[in-house]
Amino acid sequence: MNPSQLRTLLAEVASGALDPGAAERTLLSELRARPFEDLGFARIDHHRTIRNGFPEVVLGLGKTPAQIAAIAREIVGRGSTLLVTRANDAAYEAVRGVAPAAAYYADAGIIALRQQDVTPGKGTILIVAAGTSDLPVAEEAAHTAELMGNVVERVYDVGVAGIHRLLGEQSRLDAARVIVVVAGMEGALPSVVSGLVGVPVIAVPTSVGYGASFGGLAALLGMLNSCASGVSVVNIDNGFGAANIASLINHL
C-alpha cells in the first residue's frame, strides 16, 4: 500500500463508504505482508513506498537479464511501479516476459511501468543539458522525474560555448520550480544557470569530454567549486539521483 492508497482508504472510512472493520482488515493484511522478498541474489524492499513515497528502483548495471526480470516480476506482482535504470535491450526482452506492458526508453537506458498513482509535483522540473553528448544522462533524469509524478520540460544543447542559446530560454528558467543541469567538459553550466534563477539547481557532471576531463572528474570538481550559492551536485552520470532529489523538492 502506498501513501495515496492509504489516504483513499481513510477517506472512505471518514465518508462512511467503507466499514471500519473492513479497513482494519485491509491494514492488518498489509502489515502482515513481508516487508521484503528474498530471492537469494536480491532482497526486494516492498515497503520502500511507505517510507519514501516511491518503490525500490532497480539498477540494471551489473545484473544479468534473468536477475532483472526476476526482480521486476516481484515488484510488478505487488502492484508497484517498476523503474529499472542502466538497462539494455537484453534486459528489456527479459522483463517483457514478466511485464509485457513495460516500456523501454533506449535513449535513457530505462525500463518503466507505472502501476500506481503518484502525488503530482507542485511545479515544473526543468532539465537543462549542455550538449547532445549529455542527453543519455539528461533523459535518464527526465524519464525518472516524469515517472515520479512531475511535469518535466527539457532545454537541450545550451552549453556555455554559445551562452546566447541559454539566455534565450530565460522565461522557461524563471518558470521552473527545480532545475537539473547536466553537463560534461568543464562543467560550468550549472553555475551560469544558478546565477540566473532563484530556485534550487541540481548539477549532474557527465563522463563526456576529451582526456583531461578524466571521465567526468573535471566537471564534478568544477561543479563542487561553483561560486553560485544555489548549486548542489550529484555523482558523475547520476541522472536518476538528480531527478529523485528534484522530485522530493517539487513535492514539498
Protein backbone atom coordinates (compact mmCIF):
# COMPACT_ATOMS: atom_id res chain seq x y z
CA MET A 1 0.00 0.00 0.00
CA ASN A 2 1.35 3.41 -0.96
CA PRO A 3 0.52 6.76 0.73
CA SER A 4 -2.10 7.60 -1.90
CA GLN A 5 -3.92 4.31 -1.33
CA LEU A 6 -3.78 4.82 2.44
CA ARG A 7 -5.32 8.29 2.12
CA THR A 8 -8.07 6.86 -0.08
CA LEU A 9 -8.80 4.14 2.48
CA LEU A 10 -9.03 6.67 5.32
CA ALA A 11 -11.23 8.97 3.26
CA GLU A 12 -13.63 6.10 2.54
CA VAL A 13 -13.88 5.34 6.26
CA ALA A 14 -14.42 9.03 7.08
CA SER A 15 -17.19 9.34 4.49
CA GLY A 16 -18.92 6.17 5.63
CA ALA A 17 -18.35 4.41 2.32
CA LEU A 18 -16.17 1.77 3.99
CA ASP A 19 -16.80 -0.06 7.25
CA PRO A 20 -14.00 0.50 9.81
CA GLY A 21 -13.73 -3.25 10.29
CA ALA A 22 -13.04 -3.77 6.61
CA ALA A 23 -10.43 -1.03 6.69
CA GLU A 24 -8.82 -2.66 9.73
CA ARG A 25 -8.62 -6.00 7.92
CA THR A 26 -7.00 -4.31 4.91
CA LEU A 27 -4.41 -2.58 7.07
CA LEU A 28 -3.63 -5.74 9.04
CA SER A 29 -3.16 -7.64 5.81
CA GLU A 30 -0.68 -5.02 4.64
CA LEU A 31 1.19 -5.04 7.95
CA ARG A 32 1.43 -8.83 7.96
CA ALA A 33 2.86 -8.95 4.46
CA ARG A 34 6.61 -9.49 4.34
CA PRO A 35 8.42 -6.16 4.07
CA PHE A 36 10.93 -7.68 1.65
CA GLU A 37 11.26 -10.65 -0.67
CA ASP A 38 14.46 -12.69 -0.52
CA LEU A 39 15.41 -14.06 -3.94
CA GLY A 40 18.82 -15.21 -2.79
CA PHE A 41 20.72 -12.78 -5.00
CA ALA A 42 18.50 -9.80 -4.08
CA ARG A 43 16.17 -8.70 -1.30
CA ILE A 44 13.36 -6.61 -2.72
CA ASP A 45 12.12 -3.88 -0.37
CA HIS A 46 8.33 -3.88 -0.73
CA HIS A 47 7.86 -1.21 1.94
CA ARG A 48 10.02 1.39 0.21
CA THR A 49 6.91 3.23 -0.98
CA ILE A 50 5.55 3.51 2.55
CA ARG A 51 8.79 5.04 3.83
CA ASN A 52 9.95 7.07 0.84
CA GLY A 53 6.89 7.56 -1.36
CA PHE A 54 8.24 5.60 -4.36
CA PRO A 55 9.01 1.90 -4.85
CA GLU A 56 12.51 0.46 -4.88
CA VAL A 57 14.35 1.31 -8.09
CA VAL A 58 16.44 -1.37 -9.81
CA LEU A 59 19.95 -0.56 -11.02
CA GLY A 60 20.38 -2.76 -14.07
CA LEU A 61 24.14 -2.26 -14.25
CA GLY A 62 25.98 -5.47 -13.31
CA LYS A 63 22.84 -7.62 -13.18
CA THR A 64 22.00 -10.32 -15.69
CA PRO A 65 18.79 -10.04 -17.74
CA ALA A 66 17.39 -13.02 -15.82
CA GLN A 67 18.09 -11.35 -12.47
CA ILE A 68 16.49 -8.09 -13.59
CA ALA A 69 13.41 -9.96 -14.83
CA ALA A 70 13.09 -11.88 -11.55
CA ILE A 71 13.23 -8.66 -9.53
CA ALA A 72 10.78 -6.96 -11.90
CA ARG A 73 8.33 -9.87 -11.55
CA GLU A 74 8.18 -9.40 -7.76
CA ILE A 75 7.81 -5.61 -7.97
CA VAL A 76 5.10 -5.73 -10.62
CA GLY A 77 3.36 -8.61 -8.85
CA ARG A 78 2.92 -6.43 -5.76
CA GLY A 79 1.25 -3.75 -7.89
CA SER A 80 4.19 -1.37 -7.57
CA THR A 81 5.60 0.89 -10.24
CA LEU A 82 8.66 -0.54 -11.96
CA LEU A 83 11.74 1.53 -12.74
CA VAL A 84 14.95 -0.09 -13.98
CA THR A 85 17.89 2.20 -14.75
CA ARG A 86 21.01 1.46 -16.83
CA ALA A 87 19.15 -1.26 -18.73
CA ASN A 88 19.87 -2.63 -22.20
CA ASP A 89 17.93 -4.40 -24.95
CA ALA A 90 18.58 -7.85 -23.49
CA ALA A 91 17.26 -6.78 -20.09
CA TYR A 92 14.15 -5.32 -21.67
CA GLU A 93 13.41 -8.51 -23.59
CA ALA A 94 13.68 -10.47 -20.34
CA VAL A 95 11.43 -8.02 -18.45
CA ARG A 96 8.81 -8.16 -21.20
CA GLY A 97 8.39 -11.84 -20.37
CA VAL A 98 7.12 -10.97 -16.88
CA ALA A 99 5.71 -7.48 -17.57
CA PRO A 100 4.57 -7.20 -21.21
CA ALA A 101 3.26 -3.65 -20.70
CA ALA A 102 6.65 -2.28 -19.63
CA ALA A 103 8.16 0.46 -21.81
CA TYR A 104 11.80 0.79 -22.78
CA TYR A 105 13.43 4.19 -23.30
CA ALA A 106 16.63 3.24 -25.09
CA ASP A 107 17.87 6.85 -25.13
CA ALA A 108 17.90 6.79 -21.32
CA GLY A 109 18.53 3.09 -20.64
CA ILE A 110 15.28 2.94 -18.63
CA ILE A 111 12.59 0.27 -18.33
CA ALA A 112 9.41 1.58 -16.75
CA LEU A 113 5.87 0.52 -15.92
CA ARG A 114 3.61 2.80 -13.90
CA GLN A 115 1.11 0.79 -11.87
CA GLN A 116 0.09 3.14 -9.10
CA ASP A 117 -0.93 6.74 -8.74
CA VAL A 118 1.65 9.23 -7.53
CA THR A 119 1.10 12.59 -5.93
CA PRO A 120 1.73 15.23 -8.59
CA GLY A 121 4.55 17.69 -8.07
CA LYS A 122 3.70 21.30 -7.35
CA GLY A 123 5.60 22.84 -10.26
CA THR A 124 7.80 22.11 -13.25
CA ILE A 125 11.17 20.38 -13.19
CA LEU A 126 13.36 21.75 -15.97
CA ILE A 127 16.10 19.50 -17.35
CA VAL A 128 18.90 21.56 -18.92
CA ALA A 129 21.66 19.84 -20.90
CA ALA A 130 24.86 21.42 -22.16
CA GLY A 131 25.25 19.35 -25.32
CA THR A 132 23.93 16.42 -27.32
CA SER A 133 26.54 14.10 -25.78
CA ASP A 134 24.93 14.72 -22.38
CA LEU A 135 21.46 13.59 -23.48
CA PRO A 136 21.55 9.97 -22.21
CA VAL A 137 22.04 11.23 -18.65
CA ALA A 138 19.59 14.09 -19.16
CA GLU A 139 16.93 11.69 -20.45
CA GLU A 140 17.51 9.36 -17.51
CA ALA A 141 16.71 12.31 -15.27
CA ALA A 142 13.72 13.39 -17.35
CA HIS A 143 12.03 9.98 -17.54
CA THR A 144 12.66 9.34 -13.84
CA ALA A 145 11.13 12.66 -12.80
CA GLU A 146 8.09 12.06 -15.02
CA LEU A 147 7.53 8.60 -13.55
CA MET A 148 7.63 10.14 -10.07
CA GLY A 149 4.69 12.39 -10.94
CA ASN A 150 6.34 15.61 -12.08
CA VAL A 151 5.75 17.87 -15.04
CA VAL A 152 9.06 17.92 -16.89
CA GLU A 153 10.36 20.27 -19.56
CA ARG A 154 13.62 19.99 -21.48
CA VAL A 155 16.09 22.62 -22.65
CA TYR A 156 18.90 20.93 -24.53
CA ASP A 157 22.16 21.98 -26.23
CA VAL A 158 22.58 25.27 -24.37
CA GLY A 159 26.19 24.94 -23.25
CA VAL A 160 28.36 27.89 -22.28
CA ALA A 161 30.24 27.85 -25.61
CA GLY A 162 27.20 29.63 -27.03
CA ILE A 163 25.72 31.32 -23.99
CA HIS A 164 23.10 33.19 -26.05
CA ARG A 165 21.27 29.87 -26.52
CA LEU A 166 20.72 29.67 -22.77
CA LEU A 167 19.83 33.34 -22.32
CA GLY A 168 17.12 32.91 -24.93
CA GLU A 169 15.37 30.46 -22.55
CA GLN A 170 15.14 32.83 -19.56
CA SER A 171 11.34 32.63 -19.37
CA ARG A 172 11.47 28.83 -19.04
CA LEU A 173 14.20 29.05 -16.43
CA ASP A 174 12.09 31.51 -14.46
CA ALA A 175 9.02 29.26 -14.61
CA ALA A 176 10.73 26.17 -13.15
CA ARG A 177 10.47 25.14 -9.51
CA VAL A 178 13.60 22.99 -9.65
CA ILE A 179 16.29 22.81 -12.35
CA VAL A 180 18.53 19.83 -13.13
CA VAL A 181 21.60 20.84 -15.15
CA VAL A 182 23.55 18.14 -16.96
CA ALA A 183 26.99 18.99 -18.34
CA GLY A 184 30.37 17.46 -19.13
CA MET A 185 33.67 19.04 -20.25
CA GLU A 186 34.40 21.88 -17.78
CA GLY A 187 31.01 21.67 -16.06
CA ALA A 188 30.41 25.44 -15.93
CA LEU A 189 26.76 25.44 -17.00
CA PRO A 190 25.16 24.86 -13.55
CA SER A 191 26.94 27.93 -12.14
CA VAL A 192 25.67 30.07 -15.00
CA VAL A 193 22.10 28.78 -14.63
CA SER A 194 22.13 29.28 -10.86
CA GLY A 195 23.25 32.87 -11.37
CA LEU A 196 20.11 33.48 -13.43
CA VAL A 197 17.44 31.93 -11.18
CA GLY A 198 16.24 31.82 -7.59
CA VAL A 199 15.37 28.12 -7.34
CA PRO A 200 17.45 25.03 -6.46
CA VAL A 201 19.84 23.85 -9.18
CA ILE A 202 20.96 20.22 -9.09
CA ALA A 203 24.14 19.72 -11.10
CA VAL A 204 24.97 16.44 -12.83
CA PRO A 205 28.51 16.04 -14.19
CA THR A 206 28.80 13.66 -17.14
CA SER A 207 31.67 11.48 -18.25
CA VAL A 208 31.94 13.03 -21.73
CA GLY A 209 34.86 15.10 -22.96
CA TYR A 210 38.49 14.85 -24.01
CA GLY A 211 41.30 13.29 -21.99
CA ALA A 212 41.75 15.94 -19.33
CA SER A 213 38.09 15.71 -18.42
CA PHE A 214 39.13 12.47 -16.64
CA GLY A 215 35.81 10.71 -17.24
CA GLY A 216 33.75 13.49 -15.68
CA LEU A 217 36.04 14.25 -12.75
CA ALA A 218 36.90 17.72 -14.09
CA ALA A 219 33.20 18.59 -14.42
CA LEU A 220 32.48 17.18 -10.95
CA LEU A 221 35.20 19.26 -9.32
CA GLY A 222 34.13 22.37 -11.25
CA MET A 223 30.55 21.96 -10.04
CA LEU A 224 31.63 21.31 -6.44
CA ASN A 225 33.68 24.50 -6.59
CA SER A 226 30.83 26.58 -8.01
CA CYS A 227 30.66 30.12 -6.66
CA ALA A 228 26.88 30.16 -7.29
CA SER A 229 25.15 29.60 -3.96
CA GLY A 230 22.17 27.61 -5.23
CA VAL A 231 24.02 24.62 -6.71
CA SER A 232 24.11 21.13 -5.25
CA VAL A 233 25.92 18.28 -7.00
CA VAL A 234 25.29 14.56 -7.51
CA ASN A 235 27.72 11.93 -8.70
CA ILE A 236 29.04 11.58 -12.25
CA ASP A 237 26.31 10.49 -14.72
CA ASN A 238 23.75 10.17 -11.90
CA GLY A 239 20.68 11.43 -13.73
CA PHE A 240 18.43 9.22 -11.61
CA GLY A 241 19.75 10.64 -8.34
CA ALA A 242 19.29 14.21 -9.53
CA ALA A 243 15.72 13.51 -10.62
CA ASN A 244 14.87 11.87 -7.32
CA ILE A 245 16.11 14.88 -5.35
CA ALA A 246 14.34 17.27 -7.71
CA SER A 247 11.11 15.32 -7.27
CA LEU A 248 11.36 15.45 -3.47
CA ILE A 249 11.84 19.22 -3.64
CA ASN A 250 8.98 19.60 -6.10
CA HIS A 251 6.64 17.66 -3.81
CA LEU A 252 7.39 19.74 -0.69
